[in-house]
Amino acid sequence: MSKKIIGIGETGLDFFYNHSDQKEQVRLFEEHIVASLKTNLPIIVHSREAEDSTFEILNKYSKKNNLKILMHCFTGSKRFAYKLLDLNAYFSASGIITFKNSIELQDTFKIIPNEKLLIETDSPFLAPEPMRGKKNEPSYIKYTAQRLALLKNTELKNLINFTTNNFNNLFFNA
C-alpha cells in the first residue's frame, strides 16, 4: 500500500438529500470500515441526518476492533459526540463553528476533549466568518482555529500544537 494513503474516506451516511438508497449507503459504509480495519487506517466519517445509524454501525465494528474514527466536519449533537467519545473518536471542526447561528455546535465543541480535536477547511465549502459566502481555501483555516481556541479557552498556539499532535497521533501512530 502506498505511504501516501493515510485514511479511508470520506465515507458515511447522509440521509439529508436522499440522493442514494439508505441501505446501499449503509452497505458501502460498512465496506469502507472493513477496509479501514484491514489496513489499520483511520476511517473518515461523514454523518448528516443519520446520527443513530452512524453510531450503531461504528459501535458494531468498534466493540471488536481498534477502529480509528475521525468525524469529518462534525455538526452532530452533544449526545452524539458523547457516544462517539466512548468509541475513542476524533472530531474535526470546520468553518461552521464560526457561524453566528451555530451556538449548539460551539457548545458541543466545548465538551470535546482537546486530545480529540482536529481542524479542517472542507474546501471549497463552508468558509468561516469573516469569509463566509466565498469559496473556502486552506488559508482561511486560521479563522476556524481562532474560534476554536476561543471556545476551548486556550491560546491559539496551544490549539495549533494539540490539533497537530492529534493529527499525527491519529494518522501516523499505529
N, C-alpha and C. Protein backbone atom coordinates (compact mmCIF):
# COMPACT_ATOMS: atom_id res chain seq x y z
N MET A 1 0.85 -1.18 0.00
CA MET A 1 0.00 0.00 0.00
C MET A 1 0.90 1.25 0.00
N SER A 2 0.49 2.25 -0.70
CA SER A 2 1.24 3.49 -0.80
C SER A 2 1.26 4.23 0.54
N LYS A 3 2.39 4.80 0.86
CA LYS A 3 2.51 5.61 2.08
C LYS A 3 1.74 6.93 1.94
N LYS A 4 1.30 7.24 0.72
CA LYS A 4 0.50 8.45 0.50
C LYS A 4 -0.92 8.28 1.01
N ILE A 5 -1.36 7.05 1.18
CA ILE A 5 -2.71 6.78 1.67
C ILE A 5 -2.65 6.76 3.19
N ILE A 6 -3.36 7.70 3.82
CA ILE A 6 -3.30 7.78 5.28
C ILE A 6 -4.66 7.58 5.95
N GLY A 7 -5.72 7.42 5.15
CA GLY A 7 -7.04 7.22 5.72
C GLY A 7 -8.00 6.69 4.68
N ILE A 8 -9.14 6.19 5.16
CA ILE A 8 -10.21 5.70 4.30
C ILE A 8 -11.39 6.67 4.41
N GLY A 9 -11.80 7.20 3.29
CA GLY A 9 -12.94 8.12 3.31
C GLY A 9 -12.63 9.37 2.52
N GLU A 10 -13.49 10.21 2.58
CA GLU A 10 -14.66 10.44 3.41
C GLU A 10 -15.76 9.47 3.01
N THR A 11 -16.35 8.87 4.01
CA THR A 11 -17.42 7.91 3.83
C THR A 11 -18.45 8.12 4.92
N GLY A 12 -19.54 7.42 4.84
CA GLY A 12 -20.53 7.54 5.91
C GLY A 12 -21.94 7.56 5.38
N LEU A 13 -22.79 8.23 6.13
CA LEU A 13 -24.22 8.24 5.83
C LEU A 13 -24.73 9.67 5.73
N ASP A 14 -25.47 9.94 4.67
CA ASP A 14 -26.10 11.24 4.50
C ASP A 14 -27.55 11.00 4.12
N PHE A 15 -28.43 11.13 5.10
CA PHE A 15 -29.85 10.90 4.87
C PHE A 15 -30.60 12.21 4.63
N PHE A 16 -29.87 13.31 4.45
CA PHE A 16 -30.50 14.62 4.25
C PHE A 16 -31.08 14.75 2.85
N TYR A 17 -30.25 14.51 1.83
CA TYR A 17 -30.68 14.72 0.46
C TYR A 17 -31.37 13.52 -0.18
N ASN A 18 -31.11 12.33 0.33
CA ASN A 18 -31.65 11.10 -0.26
C ASN A 18 -31.27 10.96 -1.73
N HIS A 19 -30.01 11.28 -2.06
CA HIS A 19 -29.52 11.09 -3.43
C HIS A 19 -29.25 9.62 -3.72
N SER A 20 -29.10 8.82 -2.67
CA SER A 20 -28.88 7.39 -2.87
C SER A 20 -29.61 6.61 -1.79
N ASP A 21 -29.87 5.36 -2.11
CA ASP A 21 -30.62 4.48 -1.23
C ASP A 21 -29.91 4.32 0.12
N GLN A 22 -30.65 4.42 1.21
CA GLN A 22 -30.05 4.33 2.54
C GLN A 22 -29.41 2.98 2.79
N LYS A 23 -30.04 1.90 2.33
CA LYS A 23 -29.44 0.56 2.52
C LYS A 23 -28.12 0.44 1.78
N GLU A 24 -28.06 1.02 0.60
CA GLU A 24 -26.82 1.00 -0.18
C GLU A 24 -25.74 1.84 0.51
N GLN A 25 -26.13 2.97 1.08
CA GLN A 25 -25.17 3.79 1.84
C GLN A 25 -24.59 2.99 3.01
N VAL A 26 -25.47 2.30 3.73
CA VAL A 26 -25.02 1.50 4.87
C VAL A 26 -24.06 0.41 4.40
N ARG A 27 -24.41 -0.29 3.34
CA ARG A 27 -23.57 -1.37 2.82
C ARG A 27 -22.17 -0.85 2.45
N LEU A 28 -22.13 0.26 1.75
CA LEU A 28 -20.84 0.82 1.33
C LEU A 28 -20.05 1.36 2.52
N PHE A 29 -20.74 1.98 3.47
CA PHE A 29 -20.09 2.47 4.68
C PHE A 29 -19.41 1.30 5.41
N GLU A 30 -20.14 0.20 5.54
CA GLU A 30 -19.56 -0.96 6.21
C GLU A 30 -18.38 -1.53 5.43
N GLU A 31 -18.45 -1.53 4.11
CA GLU A 31 -17.30 -1.97 3.30
C GLU A 31 -16.08 -1.10 3.57
N HIS A 32 -16.29 0.19 3.67
CA HIS A 32 -15.18 1.11 3.95
C HIS A 32 -14.62 0.87 5.35
N ILE A 33 -15.47 0.59 6.30
CA ILE A 33 -15.00 0.29 7.66
C ILE A 33 -14.15 -0.97 7.65
N VAL A 34 -14.58 -1.98 6.94
CA VAL A 34 -13.79 -3.22 6.84
C VAL A 34 -12.43 -2.92 6.21
N ALA A 35 -12.41 -2.08 5.18
CA ALA A 35 -11.13 -1.69 4.56
C ALA A 35 -10.26 -0.94 5.55
N SER A 36 -10.86 -0.09 6.35
CA SER A 36 -10.13 0.64 7.38
C SER A 36 -9.49 -0.31 8.37
N LEU A 37 -10.24 -1.29 8.78
CA LEU A 37 -9.72 -2.27 9.75
C LEU A 37 -8.62 -3.14 9.14
N LYS A 38 -8.80 -3.56 7.91
CA LYS A 38 -7.80 -4.41 7.24
C LYS A 38 -6.48 -3.67 7.05
N THR A 39 -6.56 -2.39 6.79
CA THR A 39 -5.35 -1.60 6.51
C THR A 39 -4.82 -0.88 7.75
N ASN A 40 -5.59 -0.92 8.84
CA ASN A 40 -5.25 -0.19 10.07
C ASN A 40 -5.13 1.32 9.82
N LEU A 41 -5.98 1.81 8.92
CA LEU A 41 -6.03 3.25 8.62
C LEU A 41 -7.29 3.84 9.23
N PRO A 42 -7.24 5.10 9.65
CA PRO A 42 -8.44 5.75 10.19
C PRO A 42 -9.56 5.83 9.15
N ILE A 43 -10.79 5.75 9.63
CA ILE A 43 -11.97 5.95 8.79
C ILE A 43 -12.44 7.39 8.99
N ILE A 44 -12.62 8.10 7.91
CA ILE A 44 -13.03 9.50 7.95
C ILE A 44 -14.52 9.54 7.63
N VAL A 45 -15.33 9.90 8.63
CA VAL A 45 -16.77 9.67 8.59
C VAL A 45 -17.56 10.96 8.41
N HIS A 46 -18.47 10.91 7.45
CA HIS A 46 -19.46 11.95 7.22
C HIS A 46 -20.79 11.43 7.77
N SER A 47 -21.48 12.24 8.54
CA SER A 47 -22.79 11.85 9.05
C SER A 47 -23.71 13.07 9.02
N ARG A 48 -24.79 12.96 8.27
CA ARG A 48 -25.76 14.05 8.19
C ARG A 48 -27.16 13.46 8.26
N GLU A 49 -27.90 13.90 9.26
CA GLU A 49 -29.26 13.40 9.50
C GLU A 49 -29.25 11.88 9.66
N ALA A 50 -28.18 11.35 10.25
CA ALA A 50 -28.04 9.90 10.38
C ALA A 50 -27.28 9.52 11.65
N GLU A 51 -27.45 10.29 12.71
CA GLU A 51 -26.66 10.04 13.93
C GLU A 51 -26.86 8.64 14.48
N ASP A 52 -28.09 8.20 14.64
CA ASP A 52 -28.33 6.89 15.25
C ASP A 52 -27.77 5.76 14.40
N SER A 53 -28.00 5.81 13.10
CA SER A 53 -27.48 4.76 12.22
C SER A 53 -25.96 4.78 12.17
N THR A 54 -25.38 5.97 12.09
CA THR A 54 -23.93 6.09 12.06
C THR A 54 -23.33 5.50 13.32
N PHE A 55 -23.87 5.87 14.47
CA PHE A 55 -23.34 5.36 15.72
C PHE A 55 -23.51 3.84 15.82
N GLU A 56 -24.66 3.34 15.46
CA GLU A 56 -24.92 1.90 15.54
C GLU A 56 -23.88 1.11 14.74
N ILE A 57 -23.57 1.58 13.54
CA ILE A 57 -22.60 0.89 12.69
C ILE A 57 -21.19 1.02 13.26
N LEU A 58 -20.79 2.23 13.64
CA LEU A 58 -19.45 2.41 14.20
C LEU A 58 -19.28 1.60 15.48
N ASN A 59 -20.30 1.60 16.31
CA ASN A 59 -20.26 0.85 17.56
C ASN A 59 -20.09 -0.65 17.30
N LYS A 60 -20.81 -1.16 16.31
CA LYS A 60 -20.74 -2.58 15.97
C LYS A 60 -19.31 -2.99 15.62
N TYR A 61 -18.62 -2.18 14.86
CA TYR A 61 -17.26 -2.51 14.44
C TYR A 61 -16.22 -2.13 15.49
N SER A 62 -16.49 -1.12 16.28
CA SER A 62 -15.52 -0.66 17.29
C SER A 62 -15.41 -1.61 18.47
N LYS A 63 -16.50 -2.25 18.82
CA LYS A 63 -16.51 -3.12 20.00
C LYS A 63 -15.55 -4.29 19.86
N LYS A 64 -15.34 -4.78 18.64
CA LYS A 64 -14.48 -5.94 18.41
C LYS A 64 -13.09 -5.57 17.90
N ASN A 65 -12.91 -4.35 17.51
CA ASN A 65 -11.69 -3.95 16.80
C ASN A 65 -11.17 -2.61 17.30
N ASN A 66 -9.98 -2.30 16.84
CA ASN A 66 -9.40 -0.99 17.15
C ASN A 66 -9.67 -0.05 15.98
N LEU A 67 -10.94 0.30 15.79
CA LEU A 67 -11.33 1.18 14.70
C LEU A 67 -10.95 2.62 15.06
N LYS A 68 -10.17 3.24 14.17
CA LYS A 68 -9.78 4.64 14.37
C LYS A 68 -10.75 5.52 13.60
N ILE A 69 -11.43 6.41 14.31
CA ILE A 69 -12.53 7.18 13.74
C ILE A 69 -12.24 8.68 13.78
N LEU A 70 -12.43 9.34 12.64
CA LEU A 70 -12.42 10.80 12.58
C LEU A 70 -13.78 11.23 12.05
N MET A 71 -14.50 12.00 12.84
CA MET A 71 -15.78 12.56 12.40
C MET A 71 -15.48 13.85 11.64
N HIS A 72 -15.57 13.73 10.33
CA HIS A 72 -15.28 14.82 9.41
C HIS A 72 -16.34 15.92 9.51
N CYS A 73 -15.89 17.17 9.54
CA CYS A 73 -16.80 18.32 9.50
C CYS A 73 -17.96 18.10 10.47
N PHE A 74 -17.63 17.81 11.71
CA PHE A 74 -18.63 17.38 12.68
C PHE A 74 -19.64 18.49 12.96
N THR A 75 -20.91 18.14 12.80
CA THR A 75 -22.00 19.07 13.09
C THR A 75 -23.07 18.39 13.95
N GLY A 76 -22.70 17.28 14.55
CA GLY A 76 -23.66 16.49 15.31
C GLY A 76 -24.02 17.09 16.66
N SER A 77 -24.93 16.41 17.30
CA SER A 77 -25.43 16.84 18.60
C SER A 77 -24.42 16.51 19.70
N LYS A 78 -24.63 17.13 20.85
CA LYS A 78 -23.80 16.85 22.02
C LYS A 78 -23.97 15.38 22.43
N ARG A 79 -25.20 14.88 22.37
CA ARG A 79 -25.47 13.48 22.70
C ARG A 79 -24.67 12.55 21.79
N PHE A 80 -24.66 12.84 20.50
CA PHE A 80 -23.89 12.05 19.53
C PHE A 80 -22.40 12.13 19.84
N ALA A 81 -21.91 13.30 20.15
CA ALA A 81 -20.49 13.47 20.49
C ALA A 81 -20.09 12.62 21.69
N TYR A 82 -20.91 12.64 22.74
CA TYR A 82 -20.61 11.83 23.92
C TYR A 82 -20.54 10.35 23.57
N LYS A 83 -21.47 9.88 22.75
CA LYS A 83 -21.48 8.48 22.35
C LYS A 83 -20.23 8.14 21.54
N LEU A 84 -19.85 9.05 20.65
CA LEU A 84 -18.66 8.83 19.82
C LEU A 84 -17.38 8.87 20.65
N LEU A 85 -17.36 9.70 21.67
CA LEU A 85 -16.19 9.73 22.56
C LEU A 85 -15.98 8.37 23.22
N ASP A 86 -17.07 7.67 23.51
CA ASP A 86 -16.95 6.32 24.07
C ASP A 86 -16.29 5.35 23.10
N LEU A 87 -16.30 5.69 21.80
CA LEU A 87 -15.64 4.89 20.78
C LEU A 87 -14.24 5.41 20.47
N ASN A 88 -13.80 6.39 21.25
CA ASN A 88 -12.46 6.97 21.09
C ASN A 88 -12.32 7.78 19.79
N ALA A 89 -13.41 8.34 19.31
CA ALA A 89 -13.41 9.09 18.06
C ALA A 89 -12.73 10.45 18.20
N TYR A 90 -12.24 10.93 17.07
CA TYR A 90 -11.74 12.29 16.94
C TYR A 90 -12.80 13.10 16.20
N PHE A 91 -12.76 14.43 16.34
CA PHE A 91 -13.75 15.32 15.76
C PHE A 91 -13.05 16.46 15.06
N SER A 92 -13.45 16.72 13.83
CA SER A 92 -12.86 17.80 13.06
C SER A 92 -13.83 18.98 12.98
N ALA A 93 -13.33 20.14 13.34
CA ALA A 93 -14.12 21.37 13.29
C ALA A 93 -13.88 22.06 11.94
N SER A 94 -14.97 22.51 11.35
CA SER A 94 -14.88 23.26 10.09
C SER A 94 -15.31 24.70 10.35
N GLY A 95 -15.38 25.47 9.28
CA GLY A 95 -15.79 26.87 9.39
C GLY A 95 -17.17 27.07 9.99
N ILE A 96 -17.97 26.03 10.04
CA ILE A 96 -19.32 26.15 10.60
C ILE A 96 -19.28 26.65 12.05
N ILE A 97 -18.23 26.28 12.79
CA ILE A 97 -18.20 26.71 14.20
C ILE A 97 -18.02 28.22 14.36
N THR A 98 -17.70 28.91 13.27
CA THR A 98 -17.55 30.36 13.35
C THR A 98 -18.87 31.09 13.06
N PHE A 99 -19.87 30.36 12.58
CA PHE A 99 -21.13 31.00 12.19
C PHE A 99 -21.89 31.46 13.44
N LYS A 100 -22.48 32.61 13.35
CA LYS A 100 -23.20 33.19 14.49
C LYS A 100 -24.34 32.31 14.99
N ASN A 101 -24.96 31.57 14.08
CA ASN A 101 -26.11 30.74 14.47
C ASN A 101 -25.72 29.31 14.86
N SER A 102 -24.45 29.04 15.06
CA SER A 102 -24.01 27.67 15.38
C SER A 102 -23.73 27.50 16.88
N ILE A 103 -24.54 28.11 17.71
CA ILE A 103 -24.34 28.10 19.16
C ILE A 103 -24.31 26.67 19.72
N GLU A 104 -25.27 25.83 19.29
CA GLU A 104 -25.29 24.45 19.79
C GLU A 104 -24.02 23.69 19.41
N LEU A 105 -23.57 23.86 18.18
CA LEU A 105 -22.34 23.21 17.73
C LEU A 105 -21.14 23.73 18.52
N GLN A 106 -21.09 25.03 18.74
CA GLN A 106 -20.00 25.60 19.54
C GLN A 106 -20.01 25.00 20.94
N ASP A 107 -21.18 24.88 21.54
CA ASP A 107 -21.28 24.26 22.88
C ASP A 107 -20.82 22.81 22.86
N THR A 108 -21.11 22.11 21.78
CA THR A 108 -20.66 20.72 21.66
C THR A 108 -19.15 20.66 21.59
N PHE A 109 -18.53 21.53 20.82
CA PHE A 109 -17.07 21.50 20.73
C PHE A 109 -16.41 21.87 22.05
N LYS A 110 -17.09 22.62 22.88
CA LYS A 110 -16.54 22.94 24.20
C LYS A 110 -16.36 21.70 25.06
N ILE A 111 -17.21 20.68 24.88
CA ILE A 111 -17.13 19.48 25.73
C ILE A 111 -16.21 18.40 25.16
N ILE A 112 -15.80 18.56 23.92
CA ILE A 112 -14.91 17.56 23.32
C ILE A 112 -13.50 17.79 23.86
N PRO A 113 -12.86 16.75 24.41
CA PRO A 113 -11.51 16.92 24.96
C PRO A 113 -10.52 17.42 23.90
N ASN A 114 -9.59 18.24 24.34
CA ASN A 114 -8.60 18.79 23.42
C ASN A 114 -7.86 17.71 22.65
N GLU A 115 -7.61 16.56 23.28
CA GLU A 115 -6.85 15.49 22.62
C GLU A 115 -7.67 14.74 21.57
N LYS A 116 -8.90 15.19 21.33
CA LYS A 116 -9.75 14.56 20.31
C LYS A 116 -10.16 15.53 19.21
N LEU A 117 -9.51 16.69 19.13
CA LEU A 117 -9.89 17.74 18.17
C LEU A 117 -8.93 17.87 17.01
N LEU A 118 -9.49 18.10 15.84
CA LEU A 118 -8.74 18.49 14.66
C LEU A 118 -9.48 19.66 14.01
N ILE A 119 -8.85 20.28 13.02
CA ILE A 119 -9.45 21.40 12.30
C ILE A 119 -9.33 21.10 10.81
N GLU A 120 -10.33 21.53 10.04
CA GLU A 120 -10.30 21.31 8.60
C GLU A 120 -10.91 22.49 7.88
N THR A 121 -10.62 22.57 6.59
CA THR A 121 -11.22 23.63 5.78
C THR A 121 -12.52 23.17 5.14
N ASP A 122 -12.62 21.89 4.75
CA ASP A 122 -13.70 21.36 3.93
C ASP A 122 -13.83 22.18 2.64
N SER A 123 -12.68 22.59 2.11
CA SER A 123 -12.67 23.36 0.86
C SER A 123 -13.34 22.55 -0.24
N PRO A 124 -14.06 23.19 -1.11
CA PRO A 124 -14.24 24.63 -1.28
C PRO A 124 -15.46 25.18 -0.55
N PHE A 125 -16.04 24.38 0.37
CA PHE A 125 -17.28 24.79 1.01
C PHE A 125 -17.04 25.31 2.43
N LEU A 126 -18.07 25.88 3.01
CA LEU A 126 -18.15 26.24 4.42
C LEU A 126 -17.04 27.18 4.88
N ALA A 127 -16.80 28.22 4.12
CA ALA A 127 -15.82 29.22 4.52
C ALA A 127 -16.23 29.84 5.86
N PRO A 128 -15.28 30.01 6.75
CA PRO A 128 -15.60 30.59 8.07
C PRO A 128 -15.85 32.08 7.98
N GLU A 129 -16.51 32.60 9.03
CA GLU A 129 -16.61 34.05 9.18
C GLU A 129 -15.17 34.56 9.35
N PRO A 130 -14.76 35.61 8.76
CA PRO A 130 -15.48 36.63 8.00
C PRO A 130 -15.50 36.36 6.50
N MET A 131 -15.13 35.16 6.07
CA MET A 131 -15.07 34.85 4.63
C MET A 131 -16.31 34.11 4.13
N ARG A 132 -17.29 33.97 4.98
CA ARG A 132 -18.49 33.20 4.65
C ARG A 132 -19.09 33.70 3.34
N GLY A 133 -19.51 32.76 2.50
CA GLY A 133 -20.07 33.10 1.21
C GLY A 133 -19.05 33.06 0.08
N LYS A 134 -17.78 33.02 0.44
CA LYS A 134 -16.72 32.91 -0.56
C LYS A 134 -16.32 31.45 -0.71
N LYS A 135 -15.59 31.16 -1.76
CA LYS A 135 -15.04 29.82 -1.95
C LYS A 135 -13.99 29.60 -0.86
N ASN A 136 -14.15 28.55 -0.08
CA ASN A 136 -13.24 28.29 1.02
C ASN A 136 -11.88 27.84 0.49
N GLU A 137 -10.85 28.19 1.20
CA GLU A 137 -9.49 27.80 0.85
C GLU A 137 -8.68 27.58 2.13
N PRO A 138 -7.60 26.81 2.03
CA PRO A 138 -6.83 26.48 3.23
C PRO A 138 -6.35 27.67 4.06
N SER A 139 -6.09 28.80 3.43
CA SER A 139 -5.60 29.96 4.19
C SER A 139 -6.64 30.47 5.19
N TYR A 140 -7.90 30.12 4.99
CA TYR A 140 -8.95 30.59 5.89
C TYR A 140 -9.05 29.77 7.17
N ILE A 141 -8.28 28.71 7.26
CA ILE A 141 -8.37 27.84 8.44
C ILE A 141 -8.01 28.60 9.71
N LYS A 142 -7.28 29.69 9.56
CA LYS A 142 -6.89 30.48 10.73
C LYS A 142 -8.12 31.00 11.48
N TYR A 143 -9.20 31.31 10.75
CA TYR A 143 -10.40 31.81 11.41
C TYR A 143 -11.10 30.72 12.21
N THR A 144 -11.11 29.52 11.67
CA THR A 144 -11.68 28.38 12.39
C THR A 144 -10.84 28.09 13.63
N ALA A 145 -9.53 28.13 13.47
CA ALA A 145 -8.63 27.87 14.61
C ALA A 145 -8.81 28.94 15.69
N GLN A 146 -8.92 30.17 15.30
CA GLN A 146 -9.11 31.25 16.28
C GLN A 146 -10.40 31.06 17.07
N ARG A 147 -11.49 30.70 16.39
CA ARG A 147 -12.76 30.50 17.08
C ARG A 147 -12.69 29.28 17.99
N LEU A 148 -12.06 28.21 17.52
CA LEU A 148 -11.96 27.01 18.34
C LEU A 148 -11.09 27.28 19.57
N ALA A 149 -10.04 28.04 19.42
CA ALA A 149 -9.20 28.40 20.58
C ALA A 149 -10.02 29.20 21.59
N LEU A 150 -10.84 30.11 21.12
CA LEU A 150 -11.71 30.89 22.00
C LEU A 150 -12.70 29.97 22.72
N LEU A 151 -13.31 29.05 21.99
CA LEU A 151 -14.26 28.11 22.59
C LEU A 151 -13.61 27.20 23.62
N LYS A 152 -12.36 26.83 23.36
CA LYS A 152 -11.64 25.92 24.26
C LYS A 152 -10.88 26.69 25.35
N ASN A 153 -11.01 28.01 25.34
CA ASN A 153 -10.38 28.85 26.35
C ASN A 153 -8.87 28.59 26.44
N THR A 154 -8.24 28.62 25.27
CA THR A 154 -6.80 28.40 25.21
C THR A 154 -6.20 29.36 24.19
N GLU A 155 -4.91 29.52 24.27
CA GLU A 155 -4.22 30.36 23.29
C GLU A 155 -4.15 29.65 21.96
N LEU A 156 -4.14 30.42 20.89
CA LEU A 156 -4.10 29.87 19.55
C LEU A 156 -2.90 28.94 19.37
N LYS A 157 -1.75 29.30 19.86
CA LYS A 157 -0.56 28.44 19.69
C LYS A 157 -0.76 27.09 20.37
N ASN A 158 -1.46 27.07 21.51
CA ASN A 158 -1.75 25.79 22.17
C ASN A 158 -2.69 24.95 21.33
N LEU A 159 -3.72 25.59 20.78
CA LEU A 159 -4.66 24.87 19.93
C LEU A 159 -3.94 24.29 18.72
N ILE A 160 -3.10 25.06 18.10
CA ILE A 160 -2.34 24.58 16.94
C ILE A 160 -1.48 23.39 17.33
N ASN A 161 -0.84 23.46 18.49
CA ASN A 161 0.01 22.34 18.93
C ASN A 161 -0.80 21.08 19.19
N PHE A 162 -1.91 21.19 19.92
CA PHE A 162 -2.62 19.95 20.22
C PHE A 162 -3.38 19.40 19.02
N THR A 163 -3.87 20.24 18.12
CA THR A 163 -4.53 19.68 16.94
C THR A 163 -3.51 19.04 15.99
N THR A 164 -2.33 19.60 15.91
CA THR A 164 -1.27 18.98 15.10
C THR A 164 -0.86 17.65 15.70
N ASN A 165 -0.68 17.60 17.00
CA ASN A 165 -0.35 16.34 17.66
C ASN A 165 -1.45 15.31 17.47
N ASN A 166 -2.70 15.75 17.56
CA ASN A 166 -3.82 14.83 17.37
C ASN A 166 -3.82 14.25 15.96
N PHE A 167 -3.56 15.08 14.99
CA PHE A 167 -3.48 14.61 13.60
C PHE A 167 -2.41 13.53 13.47
N ASN A 168 -1.24 13.82 14.01
CA ASN A 168 -0.14 12.86 13.93
C ASN A 168 -0.46 11.57 14.69
N ASN A 169 -1.08 11.70 15.85
CA ASN A 169 -1.45 10.50 16.62
C ASN A 169 -2.46 9.65 15.87
N LEU A 170 -3.44 10.27 15.26
CA LEU A 170 -4.48 9.52 14.57
C LEU A 170 -3.95 8.88 13.28
N PHE A 171 -3.22 9.64 12.48
CA PHE A 171 -2.84 9.16 11.16
C PHE A 171 -1.47 8.48 11.06
N PHE A 172 -0.60 8.71 12.02
CA PHE A 172 0.74 8.17 11.87
C PHE A 172 1.23 7.29 13.01
N ASN A 173 0.44 7.11 14.04
CA ASN A 173 0.80 6.20 15.13
C ASN A 173 -0.07 4.96 15.03
N ALA A 174 0.57 3.86 14.78
CA ALA A 174 -0.19 2.59 14.63
C ALA A 174 -0.62 2.04 15.96
